[in-house]
């Protein structure tokens, strides 16, 4: 049974920000904008496990994203066991602590940040580690085109992650995208025993929300130019 979202998605609900939104004023478009504007980065979750069948729905949505040459370079590792989450968090924290210490960051600040990150990772009922693989992508002899091919694989994987995040919102789950694996790809690959061809890109925490988030976006005019 699908659990109730913390934030209301009913455009008639006086406590929902959709009622004040011009985007949701048209009933035909309301559900679409509720999905797009309802997605938030939530970092605290209830302890309830996420059913495997539901996780498979999110992953199915992910793999229907567009990709360069339709090569579908994304790869996913789903982590639900507590020991695996604990090991991943502790080893990432150790590397982060060392990096920040080398930067001369205050020790108390480092420990606070590490504790917060640890709680986010280990407190999520499920994690999805998103990676990319260049298997099947084009291979070029020159660095310029090869770099472009790499970036196309990165963008394709990011598009798949966005599909997954929107699917989580649709099915009543909360999620948060974390880019920490980019700083320690070898460590993530080792802890999760991923194939050598997988390049970790992101970690998505998933669960039923234990907090409500409300964030706005800057005006469109500040981020768009027309020619």
N, C-alpha and C. Protein backbone atom coordinates (compact mmCIF):
# COMPACT_ATOMS: atom_id res chain seq x y z
N UNK A 1 0.85 -1.20 0.00
CA UNK A 1 0.00 0.00 0.00
C UNK A 1 0.88 1.25 0.00
N UNK A 2 0.56 2.17 -0.87
CA UNK A 2 1.36 3.38 -0.98
C UNK A 2 1.13 4.27 0.23
N UNK A 3 2.20 4.79 0.80
CA UNK A 3 2.10 5.63 1.98
C UNK A 3 1.86 7.08 1.59
N UNK A 4 1.25 7.81 2.49
CA UNK A 4 0.88 9.20 2.22
C UNK A 4 2.12 10.09 2.24
N UNK A 5 2.22 10.95 1.28
CA UNK A 5 3.30 11.94 1.28
C UNK A 5 3.08 12.92 2.43
N UNK A 6 4.19 13.49 2.91
CA UNK A 6 4.07 14.53 3.93
C UNK A 6 3.43 15.77 3.33
N UNK A 7 3.90 16.18 2.15
CA UNK A 7 3.35 17.37 1.50
C UNK A 7 2.13 16.99 0.68
N UNK A 8 1.08 17.79 0.80
CA UNK A 8 -0.14 17.48 0.07
C UNK A 8 0.06 17.71 -1.41
N UNK A 9 -0.51 16.84 -2.20
CA UNK A 9 -0.45 16.99 -3.66
C UNK A 9 -1.82 17.34 -4.22
N UNK A 10 -2.75 17.68 -3.35
CA UNK A 10 -4.11 18.00 -3.77
C UNK A 10 -4.21 19.49 -4.04
N UNK A 11 -4.49 19.90 -5.27
CA UNK A 11 -4.55 21.33 -5.58
C UNK A 11 -5.67 22.05 -4.83
N UNK A 12 -6.62 21.30 -4.25
CA UNK A 12 -7.71 21.92 -3.50
C UNK A 12 -7.38 22.10 -2.03
N UNK A 13 -6.24 21.58 -1.61
CA UNK A 13 -5.85 21.62 -0.21
C UNK A 13 -5.32 23.00 0.14
N UNK A 14 -5.95 23.66 1.11
CA UNK A 14 -5.54 25.02 1.49
C UNK A 14 -4.13 25.04 2.06
N UNK A 15 -3.64 23.91 2.54
CA UNK A 15 -2.31 23.89 3.12
C UNK A 15 -1.24 23.51 2.10
N UNK A 16 -1.64 23.36 0.88
CA UNK A 16 -0.69 22.99 -0.16
C UNK A 16 -0.28 24.22 -0.95
N UNK A 17 1.04 24.32 -1.25
CA UNK A 17 1.49 25.48 -2.01
C UNK A 17 1.04 25.43 -3.46
N UNK A 18 0.48 24.27 -3.90
CA UNK A 18 -0.02 24.20 -5.27
C UNK A 18 -1.18 25.16 -5.47
N UNK A 19 -1.95 25.40 -4.42
CA UNK A 19 -3.13 26.26 -4.56
C UNK A 19 -2.72 27.68 -4.94
N UNK A 20 -1.56 28.11 -4.46
CA UNK A 20 -1.09 29.46 -4.76
C UNK A 20 -0.27 29.52 -6.05
N UNK A 21 -0.10 28.39 -6.70
CA UNK A 21 0.77 28.34 -7.87
C UNK A 21 -0.01 28.57 -9.16
N UNK A 22 0.47 29.53 -9.94
CA UNK A 22 -0.14 29.76 -11.25
C UNK A 22 0.01 28.54 -12.15
N UNK A 23 1.12 27.79 -11.94
CA UNK A 23 1.38 26.64 -12.78
C UNK A 23 0.30 25.58 -12.62
N UNK A 24 -0.28 25.49 -11.42
CA UNK A 24 -1.26 24.43 -11.16
C UNK A 24 -2.69 24.92 -11.30
N UNK A 25 -2.87 26.12 -11.84
CA UNK A 25 -4.22 26.67 -11.93
C UNK A 25 -5.06 25.93 -12.97
N UNK A 26 -4.42 25.38 -13.97
CA UNK A 26 -5.12 24.61 -14.98
C UNK A 26 -5.17 23.16 -14.53
N UNK A 27 -6.37 22.62 -14.31
CA UNK A 27 -6.51 21.28 -13.77
C UNK A 27 -5.87 20.25 -14.66
N UNK A 28 -5.80 20.51 -15.98
CA UNK A 28 -5.19 19.55 -16.90
C UNK A 28 -3.69 19.45 -16.69
N UNK A 29 -3.07 20.54 -16.23
CA UNK A 29 -1.62 20.57 -16.03
C UNK A 29 -1.23 20.36 -14.57
N UNK A 30 -2.21 20.41 -13.67
CA UNK A 30 -1.91 20.43 -12.25
C UNK A 30 -1.08 19.27 -11.77
N UNK A 31 -1.42 18.04 -12.17
CA UNK A 31 -0.69 16.88 -11.67
C UNK A 31 0.75 16.88 -12.16
N UNK A 32 0.96 17.37 -13.38
CA UNK A 32 2.32 17.44 -13.91
C UNK A 32 3.17 18.39 -13.08
N UNK A 33 2.65 19.58 -12.81
CA UNK A 33 3.44 20.56 -12.06
C UNK A 33 3.56 20.18 -10.60
N UNK A 34 2.59 19.46 -10.08
CA UNK A 34 2.71 18.95 -8.73
C UNK A 34 3.90 18.00 -8.62
N UNK A 35 4.08 17.16 -9.63
CA UNK A 35 5.21 16.24 -9.64
C UNK A 35 6.52 16.99 -9.76
N UNK A 36 6.61 17.91 -10.71
CA UNK A 36 7.86 18.63 -10.95
C UNK A 36 8.23 19.52 -9.77
N UNK A 37 7.25 20.29 -9.27
CA UNK A 37 7.56 21.24 -8.22
C UNK A 37 7.48 20.63 -6.82
N UNK A 38 6.91 19.42 -6.74
CA UNK A 38 6.82 18.77 -5.44
C UNK A 38 8.09 18.04 -5.04
N UNK A 39 8.92 17.72 -6.02
CA UNK A 39 10.15 17.00 -5.69
C UNK A 39 11.07 17.89 -4.86
N UNK A 40 11.53 17.35 -3.75
CA UNK A 40 12.46 18.06 -2.88
C UNK A 40 13.57 17.10 -2.47
N UNK A 41 14.69 17.65 -2.05
CA UNK A 41 15.78 16.84 -1.51
C UNK A 41 15.51 16.64 -0.01
N UNK A 42 15.09 15.44 0.33
CA UNK A 42 14.75 15.10 1.72
C UNK A 42 15.86 14.21 2.27
N UNK A 43 16.33 14.51 3.47
CA UNK A 43 17.50 13.82 4.03
C UNK A 43 17.20 13.00 5.27
N UNK A 44 15.98 13.07 5.77
CA UNK A 44 15.61 12.30 6.96
C UNK A 44 14.42 11.41 6.61
N UNK A 45 14.53 10.13 6.99
CA UNK A 45 13.53 9.15 6.57
C UNK A 45 12.99 8.36 7.76
N UNK A 46 11.77 7.85 7.58
CA UNK A 46 11.22 6.91 8.54
C UNK A 46 11.98 5.58 8.40
N UNK A 47 11.98 4.75 9.44
CA UNK A 47 12.72 3.49 9.36
C UNK A 47 12.06 2.42 8.50
N UNK A 48 10.85 2.68 8.01
CA UNK A 48 10.13 1.69 7.21
C UNK A 48 10.93 1.30 5.97
N UNK A 49 11.08 0.02 5.69
CA UNK A 49 11.80 -0.40 4.48
C UNK A 49 11.02 -0.04 3.22
N UNK A 50 11.74 0.09 2.13
CA UNK A 50 11.12 0.34 0.82
C UNK A 50 11.04 -1.00 0.09
N UNK A 51 9.85 -1.34 -0.34
CA UNK A 51 9.64 -2.63 -0.99
C UNK A 51 10.48 -2.75 -2.26
N UNK A 52 11.01 -3.93 -2.50
CA UNK A 52 11.83 -4.16 -3.70
C UNK A 52 11.03 -3.87 -4.97
N UNK A 53 9.76 -4.23 -4.98
CA UNK A 53 8.95 -3.99 -6.18
C UNK A 53 8.85 -2.50 -6.48
N UNK A 54 8.82 -1.69 -5.44
CA UNK A 54 8.76 -0.24 -5.64
C UNK A 54 10.10 0.29 -6.14
N UNK A 55 11.19 -0.22 -5.58
CA UNK A 55 12.51 0.18 -6.06
C UNK A 55 12.69 -0.18 -7.53
N UNK A 56 12.15 -1.32 -7.92
CA UNK A 56 12.25 -1.73 -9.33
C UNK A 56 11.46 -0.80 -10.24
N UNK A 57 10.35 -0.25 -9.74
CA UNK A 57 9.61 0.74 -10.52
C UNK A 57 10.44 1.99 -10.74
N UNK A 58 11.13 2.43 -9.70
CA UNK A 58 11.96 3.63 -9.83
C UNK A 58 13.08 3.39 -10.83
N UNK A 59 13.69 2.22 -10.75
CA UNK A 59 14.79 1.91 -11.66
C UNK A 59 14.30 1.75 -13.10
N UNK A 60 13.08 1.24 -13.25
CA UNK A 60 12.50 1.14 -14.59
C UNK A 60 12.30 2.52 -15.18
N UNK A 61 11.82 3.46 -14.36
CA UNK A 61 11.68 4.84 -14.82
C UNK A 61 13.04 5.41 -15.21
N UNK A 62 14.07 5.08 -14.43
CA UNK A 62 15.41 5.59 -14.69
C UNK A 62 15.92 5.16 -16.06
N UNK A 63 15.74 3.89 -16.40
CA UNK A 63 16.34 3.40 -17.64
C UNK A 63 15.57 3.82 -18.89
N UNK A 64 14.43 4.52 -18.69
CA UNK A 64 13.71 5.06 -19.85
C UNK A 64 14.11 6.51 -20.13
N UNK A 65 15.18 6.96 -19.50
CA UNK A 65 15.70 8.30 -19.81
C UNK A 65 16.37 8.28 -21.18
N UNK A 66 16.49 9.43 -21.83
CA UNK A 66 17.25 9.49 -23.08
C UNK A 66 18.73 9.30 -22.79
N UNK A 67 19.48 8.81 -23.78
CA UNK A 67 20.92 8.65 -23.61
C UNK A 67 21.62 8.85 -24.94
N UNK A 68 22.88 9.21 -24.85
CA UNK A 68 23.69 9.46 -26.06
C UNK A 68 23.78 8.19 -26.89
N UNK A 69 23.46 8.30 -28.16
CA UNK A 69 23.46 7.18 -29.12
C UNK A 69 22.52 6.05 -28.68
N UNK A 70 21.69 6.30 -27.67
CA UNK A 70 20.86 5.25 -27.06
C UNK A 70 21.71 4.09 -26.54
N UNK A 71 22.92 4.42 -26.03
CA UNK A 71 23.81 3.37 -25.53
C UNK A 71 23.50 3.01 -24.08
N UNK A 72 22.71 3.84 -23.39
CA UNK A 72 22.25 3.56 -22.03
C UNK A 72 23.43 3.22 -21.10
N UNK A 73 24.33 4.17 -20.88
CA UNK A 73 25.56 3.89 -20.13
C UNK A 73 25.38 3.80 -18.62
N UNK A 74 24.18 4.06 -18.12
CA UNK A 74 23.94 4.02 -16.67
C UNK A 74 24.05 2.61 -16.12
N UNK A 75 24.50 2.55 -14.86
CA UNK A 75 24.54 1.31 -14.11
C UNK A 75 24.12 1.63 -12.68
N UNK A 76 23.39 0.74 -12.04
CA UNK A 76 22.88 1.01 -10.69
C UNK A 76 23.19 -0.13 -9.74
N UNK A 77 23.56 0.22 -8.54
CA UNK A 77 23.72 -0.74 -7.46
C UNK A 77 22.77 -0.33 -6.34
N UNK A 78 21.87 -1.20 -5.95
CA UNK A 78 20.91 -0.92 -4.88
C UNK A 78 21.44 -1.48 -3.57
N UNK A 79 21.50 -0.64 -2.55
CA UNK A 79 22.03 -1.04 -1.25
C UNK A 79 20.93 -0.92 -0.20
N UNK A 80 20.58 -2.03 0.40
CA UNK A 80 19.54 -2.02 1.44
C UNK A 80 20.01 -2.65 2.75
N UNK A 81 21.14 -3.35 2.74
CA UNK A 81 21.60 -4.00 3.97
C UNK A 81 22.32 -2.99 4.85
N UNK A 82 22.06 -3.05 6.14
CA UNK A 82 22.67 -2.11 7.09
C UNK A 82 24.20 -2.23 7.12
N UNK A 83 24.78 -3.42 7.12
CA UNK A 83 26.25 -3.50 7.13
C UNK A 83 26.89 -2.82 5.92
N UNK A 84 26.28 -2.97 4.75
CA UNK A 84 26.84 -2.35 3.55
C UNK A 84 26.75 -0.83 3.64
N UNK A 85 25.62 -0.32 4.13
CA UNK A 85 25.47 1.12 4.29
C UNK A 85 26.46 1.66 5.31
N UNK A 86 26.62 0.92 6.40
CA UNK A 86 27.55 1.33 7.45
C UNK A 86 28.98 1.37 6.93
N UNK A 87 29.39 0.33 6.23
CA UNK A 87 30.75 0.26 5.70
C UNK A 87 31.01 1.37 4.69
N UNK A 88 30.05 1.58 3.80
CA UNK A 88 30.20 2.63 2.79
C UNK A 88 30.34 3.99 3.46
N UNK A 89 29.47 4.27 4.41
CA UNK A 89 29.49 5.57 5.09
C UNK A 89 30.79 5.78 5.86
N UNK A 90 31.23 4.78 6.59
CA UNK A 90 32.43 4.92 7.41
C UNK A 90 33.68 5.13 6.56
N UNK A 91 33.78 4.40 5.47
CA UNK A 91 34.97 4.54 4.64
C UNK A 91 34.96 5.85 3.85
N UNK A 92 33.79 6.29 3.41
CA UNK A 92 33.71 7.59 2.76
C UNK A 92 34.03 8.70 3.76
N UNK A 93 33.55 8.54 4.99
CA UNK A 93 33.79 9.55 6.02
C UNK A 93 35.28 9.66 6.33
N UNK A 94 35.96 8.53 6.40
CA UNK A 94 37.40 8.55 6.69
C UNK A 94 38.16 9.32 5.62
N UNK A 95 37.80 9.09 4.35
CA UNK A 95 38.47 9.80 3.26
C UNK A 95 38.14 11.28 3.29
N UNK A 96 36.88 11.62 3.57
CA UNK A 96 36.46 13.02 3.63
C UNK A 96 37.16 13.73 4.78
N UNK A 97 37.25 13.05 5.92
CA UNK A 97 37.92 13.62 7.08
C UNK A 97 39.37 13.93 6.75
N UNK A 98 40.04 13.01 6.07
CA UNK A 98 41.44 13.23 5.71
C UNK A 98 41.60 14.38 4.73
N UNK A 99 40.70 14.46 3.75
CA UNK A 99 40.79 15.54 2.76
C UNK A 99 40.57 16.90 3.41
N UNK A 100 39.56 17.01 4.25
CA UNK A 100 39.27 18.29 4.89
C UNK A 100 40.37 18.69 5.87
N UNK A 101 40.93 17.70 6.56
CA UNK A 101 42.04 17.99 7.47
C UNK A 101 43.23 18.54 6.70
N UNK A 102 43.51 17.95 5.52
CA UNK A 102 44.61 18.43 4.68
C UNK A 102 44.35 19.85 4.19
N UNK A 103 43.06 20.22 4.07
CA UNK A 103 42.72 21.58 3.65
C UNK A 103 42.81 22.58 4.80
N UNK A 104 43.06 22.09 6.01
CA UNK A 104 43.17 22.98 7.17
C UNK A 104 41.83 23.36 7.78
N UNK A 105 40.79 22.58 7.51
CA UNK A 105 39.46 22.87 8.05
C UNK A 105 39.43 22.53 9.54
N UNK A 106 38.69 23.33 10.31
CA UNK A 106 38.57 23.12 11.75
C UNK A 106 38.07 21.72 12.07
N UNK A 107 38.69 21.06 13.03
CA UNK A 107 38.37 19.67 13.36
C UNK A 107 36.93 19.50 13.83
N UNK A 108 36.44 20.44 14.62
CA UNK A 108 35.06 20.33 15.12
C UNK A 108 34.06 20.43 13.96
N UNK A 109 34.36 21.32 13.01
CA UNK A 109 33.49 21.45 11.84
C UNK A 109 33.49 20.17 11.02
N UNK A 110 34.67 19.58 10.85
CA UNK A 110 34.78 18.33 10.10
C UNK A 110 33.93 17.24 10.73
N UNK A 111 34.04 17.08 12.04
CA UNK A 111 33.30 16.01 12.71
C UNK A 111 31.79 16.23 12.62
N UNK A 112 31.38 17.48 12.68
CA UNK A 112 29.94 17.76 12.55
C UNK A 112 29.44 17.39 11.16
N UNK A 113 30.20 17.75 10.13
CA UNK A 113 29.80 17.41 8.77
C UNK A 113 29.80 15.89 8.54
N UNK A 114 30.79 15.22 9.10
CA UNK A 114 30.88 13.77 8.94
C UNK A 114 29.70 13.09 9.62
N UNK A 115 29.32 13.57 10.81
CA UNK A 115 28.19 12.98 11.52
C UNK A 115 26.90 13.15 10.73
N UNK A 116 26.71 14.33 10.16
CA UNK A 116 25.51 14.59 9.37
C UNK A 116 25.44 13.66 8.16
N UNK A 117 26.56 13.55 7.45
CA UNK A 117 26.61 12.68 6.27
C UNK A 117 26.36 11.22 6.66
N UNK A 118 26.96 10.79 7.75
CA UNK A 118 26.78 9.40 8.20
C UNK A 118 25.32 9.11 8.51
N UNK A 119 24.66 10.06 9.18
CA UNK A 119 23.24 9.88 9.52
C UNK A 119 22.39 9.80 8.26
N UNK A 120 22.71 10.59 7.26
CA UNK A 120 21.94 10.60 6.01
C UNK A 120 22.05 9.25 5.29
N UNK A 121 23.26 8.72 5.24
CA UNK A 121 23.48 7.50 4.49
C UNK A 121 22.95 6.28 5.23
N UNK A 122 23.29 6.16 6.49
CA UNK A 122 22.86 4.98 7.25
C UNK A 122 21.40 5.05 7.66
N UNK A 123 20.82 6.25 7.68
CA UNK A 123 19.42 6.40 8.07
C UNK A 123 18.44 6.20 6.93
N UNK A 124 18.95 6.08 5.72
CA UNK A 124 18.08 5.85 4.56
C UNK A 124 17.80 4.36 4.41
N UNK A 125 16.54 3.97 4.28
CA UNK A 125 16.23 2.55 4.08
C UNK A 125 16.87 1.95 2.83
N UNK A 126 17.07 2.77 1.80
CA UNK A 126 17.67 2.26 0.56
C UNK A 126 18.59 3.31 -0.05
N UNK A 127 19.63 2.83 -0.66
CA UNK A 127 20.55 3.68 -1.41
C UNK A 127 20.63 3.16 -2.84
N UNK A 128 20.73 4.07 -3.78
CA UNK A 128 21.00 3.69 -5.16
C UNK A 128 22.30 4.38 -5.58
N UNK A 129 23.32 3.59 -5.80
CA UNK A 129 24.59 4.12 -6.28
C UNK A 129 24.56 4.10 -7.81
N UNK A 130 24.57 5.28 -8.39
CA UNK A 130 24.51 5.41 -9.85
C UNK A 130 25.92 5.52 -10.42
N UNK A 131 26.18 4.72 -11.42
CA UNK A 131 27.49 4.73 -12.09
C UNK A 131 27.28 4.82 -13.59
N UNK A 132 28.38 5.05 -14.29
CA UNK A 132 28.32 4.98 -15.75
C UNK A 132 29.38 4.00 -16.23
N UNK A 133 29.15 3.47 -17.40
CA UNK A 133 30.12 2.60 -18.04
C UNK A 133 30.31 3.07 -19.48
N UNK A 134 31.55 3.09 -19.92
CA UNK A 134 31.85 3.48 -21.30
C UNK A 134 31.74 2.31 -22.26
N UNK A 135 31.39 1.13 -21.75
CA UNK A 135 31.17 -0.02 -22.62
C UNK A 135 30.02 0.29 -23.57
N UNK A 136 30.26 0.17 -24.84
CA UNK A 136 29.23 0.47 -25.82
C UNK A 136 29.27 1.89 -26.33
N UNK A 137 29.97 2.79 -25.63
CA UNK A 137 30.11 4.16 -26.11
C UNK A 137 31.17 4.20 -27.21
N UNK A 138 31.14 5.27 -28.01
CA UNK A 138 32.13 5.40 -29.10
C UNK A 138 33.51 5.66 -28.53
N UNK A 139 34.52 5.23 -29.26
CA UNK A 139 35.91 5.42 -28.85
C UNK A 139 36.63 6.24 -29.92
N UNK A 140 37.29 7.33 -29.47
CA UNK A 140 37.96 8.23 -30.41
C UNK A 140 39.46 8.28 -30.11
N UNK A 141 40.28 8.52 -31.12
CA UNK A 141 41.73 8.58 -30.91
C UNK A 141 42.20 9.91 -30.31
N UNK A 142 41.39 10.95 -30.43
CA UNK A 142 41.81 12.26 -29.93
C UNK A 142 41.11 12.60 -28.62
N UNK A 143 41.78 13.30 -27.72
CA UNK A 143 41.23 13.62 -26.41
C UNK A 143 39.98 14.49 -26.46
N UNK A 144 39.88 15.39 -27.44
CA UNK A 144 38.74 16.31 -27.49
C UNK A 144 37.43 15.54 -27.66
N UNK A 145 37.39 14.66 -28.65
CA UNK A 145 36.16 13.92 -28.87
C UNK A 145 35.92 12.86 -27.80
N UNK A 146 37.02 12.31 -27.27
CA UNK A 146 36.85 11.31 -26.22
C UNK A 146 36.28 11.94 -24.95
N UNK A 147 36.72 13.16 -24.66
CA UNK A 147 36.17 13.86 -23.50
C UNK A 147 34.68 14.14 -23.71
N UNK A 148 34.31 14.52 -24.94
CA UNK A 148 32.90 14.76 -25.23
C UNK A 148 32.08 13.48 -25.05
N UNK A 149 32.64 12.34 -25.44
CA UNK A 149 31.95 11.07 -25.28
C UNK A 149 31.74 10.75 -23.80
N UNK A 150 32.77 11.03 -23.00
CA UNK A 150 32.66 10.83 -21.56
C UNK A 150 31.56 11.72 -20.98
N UNK A 151 31.55 12.98 -21.39
CA UNK A 151 30.53 13.91 -20.88
C UNK A 151 29.13 13.48 -21.30
N UNK A 152 28.99 12.92 -22.48
CA UNK A 152 27.68 12.43 -22.91
C UNK A 152 27.21 11.28 -22.02
N UNK A 153 28.16 10.43 -21.60
CA UNK A 153 27.80 9.34 -20.69
C UNK A 153 27.42 9.89 -19.32
N UNK A 154 28.13 10.91 -18.86
CA UNK A 154 27.80 11.56 -17.58
C UNK A 154 26.40 12.16 -17.64
N UNK A 155 26.13 12.90 -18.72
CA UNK A 155 24.82 13.54 -18.85
C UNK A 155 23.71 12.51 -18.96
N UNK A 156 23.95 11.44 -19.68
CA UNK A 156 22.94 10.39 -19.82
C UNK A 156 22.61 9.79 -18.46
N UNK A 157 23.63 9.54 -17.65
CA UNK A 157 23.42 8.96 -16.32
C UNK A 157 22.68 9.94 -15.42
N UNK A 158 23.01 11.23 -15.55
CA UNK A 158 22.30 12.25 -14.76
C UNK A 158 20.83 12.31 -15.14
N UNK A 159 20.52 12.18 -16.42
CA UNK A 159 19.13 12.16 -16.86
C UNK A 159 18.39 10.97 -16.27
N UNK A 160 19.05 9.82 -16.21
CA UNK A 160 18.43 8.65 -15.61
C UNK A 160 18.16 8.88 -14.13
N UNK A 161 19.10 9.54 -13.45
CA UNK A 161 18.91 9.84 -12.03
C UNK A 161 17.72 10.77 -11.82
N UNK A 162 17.54 11.75 -12.70
CA UNK A 162 16.39 12.64 -12.57
C UNK A 162 15.09 11.87 -12.76
N UNK A 163 15.05 10.97 -13.72
CA UNK A 163 13.86 10.13 -13.88
C UNK A 163 13.56 9.38 -12.59
N UNK A 164 14.61 8.84 -11.97
CA UNK A 164 14.43 8.08 -10.73
C UNK A 164 13.88 8.98 -9.62
N UNK A 165 14.41 10.19 -9.50
CA UNK A 165 13.95 11.12 -8.47
C UNK A 165 12.49 11.51 -8.67
N UNK A 166 12.10 11.74 -9.92
CA UNK A 166 10.70 12.08 -10.20
C UNK A 166 9.78 10.89 -9.94
N UNK A 167 10.25 9.69 -10.27
CA UNK A 167 9.46 8.50 -9.98
C UNK A 167 9.28 8.32 -8.48
N UNK A 168 10.32 8.60 -7.71
CA UNK A 168 10.21 8.51 -6.25
C UNK A 168 9.13 9.45 -5.74
N UNK A 169 9.12 10.67 -6.26
CA UNK A 169 8.10 11.63 -5.87
C UNK A 169 6.71 11.12 -6.25
N UNK A 170 6.57 10.58 -7.42
CA UNK A 170 5.27 10.09 -7.89
C UNK A 170 4.75 8.96 -7.02
N UNK A 171 5.63 8.08 -6.58
CA UNK A 171 5.20 6.92 -5.80
C UNK A 171 5.22 7.15 -4.29
N UNK A 172 5.33 8.40 -3.87
CA UNK A 172 5.21 8.71 -2.45
C UNK A 172 6.47 8.55 -1.63
N UNK A 173 7.61 8.44 -2.30
CA UNK A 173 8.88 8.32 -1.60
C UNK A 173 9.61 9.66 -1.58
N UNK A 174 10.52 9.79 -0.63
CA UNK A 174 11.40 10.94 -0.59
C UNK A 174 12.79 10.49 -1.02
N UNK A 175 13.59 11.42 -1.50
CA UNK A 175 14.91 11.07 -2.00
C UNK A 175 15.85 12.27 -1.92
N UNK A 176 17.14 11.96 -1.98
CA UNK A 176 18.15 13.03 -2.02
C UNK A 176 19.31 12.57 -2.88
N UNK A 177 19.73 13.41 -3.79
CA UNK A 177 20.86 13.14 -4.67
C UNK A 177 22.13 13.65 -4.02
N UNK A 178 23.14 12.78 -3.88
CA UNK A 178 24.42 13.14 -3.28
C UNK A 178 25.53 12.87 -4.30
N UNK A 179 26.44 13.82 -4.46
CA UNK A 179 27.50 13.67 -5.46
C UNK A 179 28.81 13.17 -4.85
N UNK A 180 28.80 12.77 -3.58
CA UNK A 180 30.03 12.35 -2.89
C UNK A 180 30.83 11.28 -3.63
N UNK A 181 30.18 10.31 -4.31
CA UNK A 181 30.98 9.29 -5.01
C UNK A 181 31.94 9.84 -6.05
N UNK A 182 31.68 11.04 -6.57
CA UNK A 182 32.59 11.62 -7.54
C UNK A 182 33.98 11.86 -6.94
N UNK A 183 34.04 12.08 -5.62
CA UNK A 183 35.31 12.37 -4.96
C UNK A 183 36.06 11.09 -4.56
N UNK A 184 35.33 9.98 -4.48
CA UNK A 184 35.97 8.72 -4.05
C UNK A 184 35.47 7.54 -4.89
N UNK A 185 35.56 7.62 -6.21
CA UNK A 185 34.98 6.56 -7.05
C UNK A 185 35.60 5.19 -6.80
N UNK A 186 36.92 5.15 -6.62
CA UNK A 186 37.57 3.85 -6.39
C UNK A 186 37.11 3.22 -5.09
N UNK A 187 36.94 4.06 -4.06
CA UNK A 187 36.48 3.56 -2.76
C UNK A 187 35.08 2.98 -2.87
N UNK A 188 34.18 3.70 -3.53
CA UNK A 188 32.80 3.23 -3.69
C UNK A 188 32.78 1.93 -4.48
N UNK A 189 33.58 1.87 -5.54
CA UNK A 189 33.64 0.65 -6.34
C UNK A 189 34.13 -0.53 -5.51
N UNK A 190 35.10 -0.27 -4.64
CA UNK A 190 35.66 -1.34 -3.81
C UNK A 190 34.66 -1.80 -2.75
N UNK A 191 34.06 -0.87 -2.04
CA UNK A 191 33.14 -1.22 -0.96
C UNK A 191 31.94 -2.01 -1.49
N UNK A 192 31.40 -1.57 -2.63
CA UNK A 192 30.20 -2.21 -3.18
C UNK A 192 30.53 -3.33 -4.14
N UNK A 193 31.82 -3.61 -4.32
CA UNK A 193 32.26 -4.69 -5.20
C UNK A 193 31.67 -4.52 -6.60
N UNK A 194 31.84 -3.34 -7.16
CA UNK A 194 31.32 -3.04 -8.49
C UNK A 194 32.33 -3.48 -9.55
N UNK A 195 31.88 -3.74 -10.76
CA UNK A 195 32.82 -4.06 -11.86
C UNK A 195 33.79 -2.91 -12.11
N UNK A 196 34.98 -3.24 -12.57
CA UNK A 196 36.00 -2.22 -12.83
C UNK A 196 35.54 -1.19 -13.84
N UNK A 197 34.64 -1.57 -14.74
CA UNK A 197 34.18 -0.65 -15.80
C UNK A 197 33.14 0.35 -15.31
N UNK A 198 32.68 0.19 -14.08
CA UNK A 198 31.68 1.11 -13.53
C UNK A 198 32.38 2.31 -12.90
N UNK A 199 31.92 3.51 -13.24
CA UNK A 199 32.47 4.75 -12.69
C UNK A 199 31.40 5.43 -11.83
N UNK A 200 31.49 5.31 -10.50
CA UNK A 200 30.46 5.88 -9.61
C UNK A 200 30.29 7.39 -9.81
N UNK A 201 29.02 7.81 -9.88
CA UNK A 201 28.69 9.20 -10.15
C UNK A 201 27.88 9.85 -9.04
N UNK A 202 26.99 9.10 -8.42
CA UNK A 202 26.08 9.70 -7.44
C UNK A 202 25.56 8.64 -6.50
N UNK A 203 25.07 9.11 -5.37
CA UNK A 203 24.41 8.25 -4.40
C UNK A 203 23.05 8.87 -4.12
N UNK A 204 21.99 8.09 -4.32
CA UNK A 204 20.63 8.58 -4.08
C UNK A 204 20.07 7.86 -2.86
N UNK A 205 19.74 8.62 -1.82
CA UNK A 205 19.12 8.05 -0.64
C UNK A 205 17.61 8.03 -0.85
N UNK A 206 16.96 6.97 -0.37
CA UNK A 206 15.53 6.78 -0.60
C UNK A 206 14.83 6.28 0.66
N UNK A 207 13.59 6.74 0.84
CA UNK A 207 12.78 6.25 1.95
C UNK A 207 11.50 7.05 2.04
N UNK A 208 10.74 6.79 3.10
CA UNK A 208 9.53 7.56 3.36
C UNK A 208 9.91 8.76 4.23
N UNK A 209 9.47 9.94 3.84
CA UNK A 209 9.95 11.18 4.45
C UNK A 209 9.62 11.29 5.94
N UNK A 210 10.63 11.75 6.69
CA UNK A 210 10.44 12.06 8.11
C UNK A 210 10.57 13.56 8.34
N UNK A 211 10.61 14.33 7.26
CA UNK A 211 10.67 15.78 7.35
C UNK A 211 10.03 16.36 6.10
N UNK A 212 9.68 17.63 6.18
CA UNK A 212 9.09 18.32 5.03
C UNK A 212 10.03 19.43 4.59
N UNK A 213 10.23 19.52 3.30
CA UNK A 213 11.11 20.54 2.74
C UNK A 213 10.34 21.45 1.81
N UNK A 214 10.59 22.75 1.93
CA UNK A 214 9.99 23.73 1.03
C UNK A 214 11.07 24.69 0.58
N UNK A 215 11.46 24.60 -0.66
CA UNK A 215 12.47 25.49 -1.21
C UNK A 215 11.94 26.07 -2.51
N UNK A 216 12.28 27.32 -2.79
CA UNK A 216 11.83 27.97 -4.01
C UNK A 216 12.96 28.03 -5.03
N UNK A 217 12.63 28.39 -6.24
CA UNK A 217 13.61 28.57 -7.30
C UNK A 217 13.73 30.07 -7.63
N UNK A 218 14.90 30.44 -8.12
CA UNK A 218 15.09 31.81 -8.57
C UNK A 218 14.19 32.08 -9.77
N UNK A 219 13.82 33.34 -9.99
CA UNK A 219 12.96 33.66 -11.13
C UNK A 219 13.56 33.18 -12.45
N UNK A 220 12.70 32.72 -13.33
CA UNK A 220 13.13 32.20 -14.62
C UNK A 220 13.99 33.21 -15.37
N UNK A 221 13.61 34.49 -15.29
CA UNK A 221 14.32 35.53 -16.04
C UNK A 221 15.79 35.65 -15.63
N UNK A 222 16.14 35.19 -14.43
CA UNK A 222 17.51 35.28 -13.96
C UNK A 222 18.39 34.15 -14.48
N UNK A 223 17.80 33.18 -15.11
CA UNK A 223 18.56 32.02 -15.58
C UNK A 223 18.37 31.72 -17.05
N UNK A 224 17.62 32.54 -17.76
CA UNK A 224 17.32 32.27 -19.18
C UNK A 224 17.58 33.51 -20.02
N UNK A 225 18.19 33.31 -21.18
CA UNK A 225 18.28 34.38 -22.16
C UNK A 225 17.62 33.90 -23.45
N UNK A 226 17.09 34.84 -24.23
CA UNK A 226 16.40 34.50 -25.47
C UNK A 226 17.13 35.16 -26.62
N UNK A 227 17.25 34.48 -27.71
CA UNK A 227 17.92 35.04 -28.90
C UNK A 227 17.00 34.91 -30.12
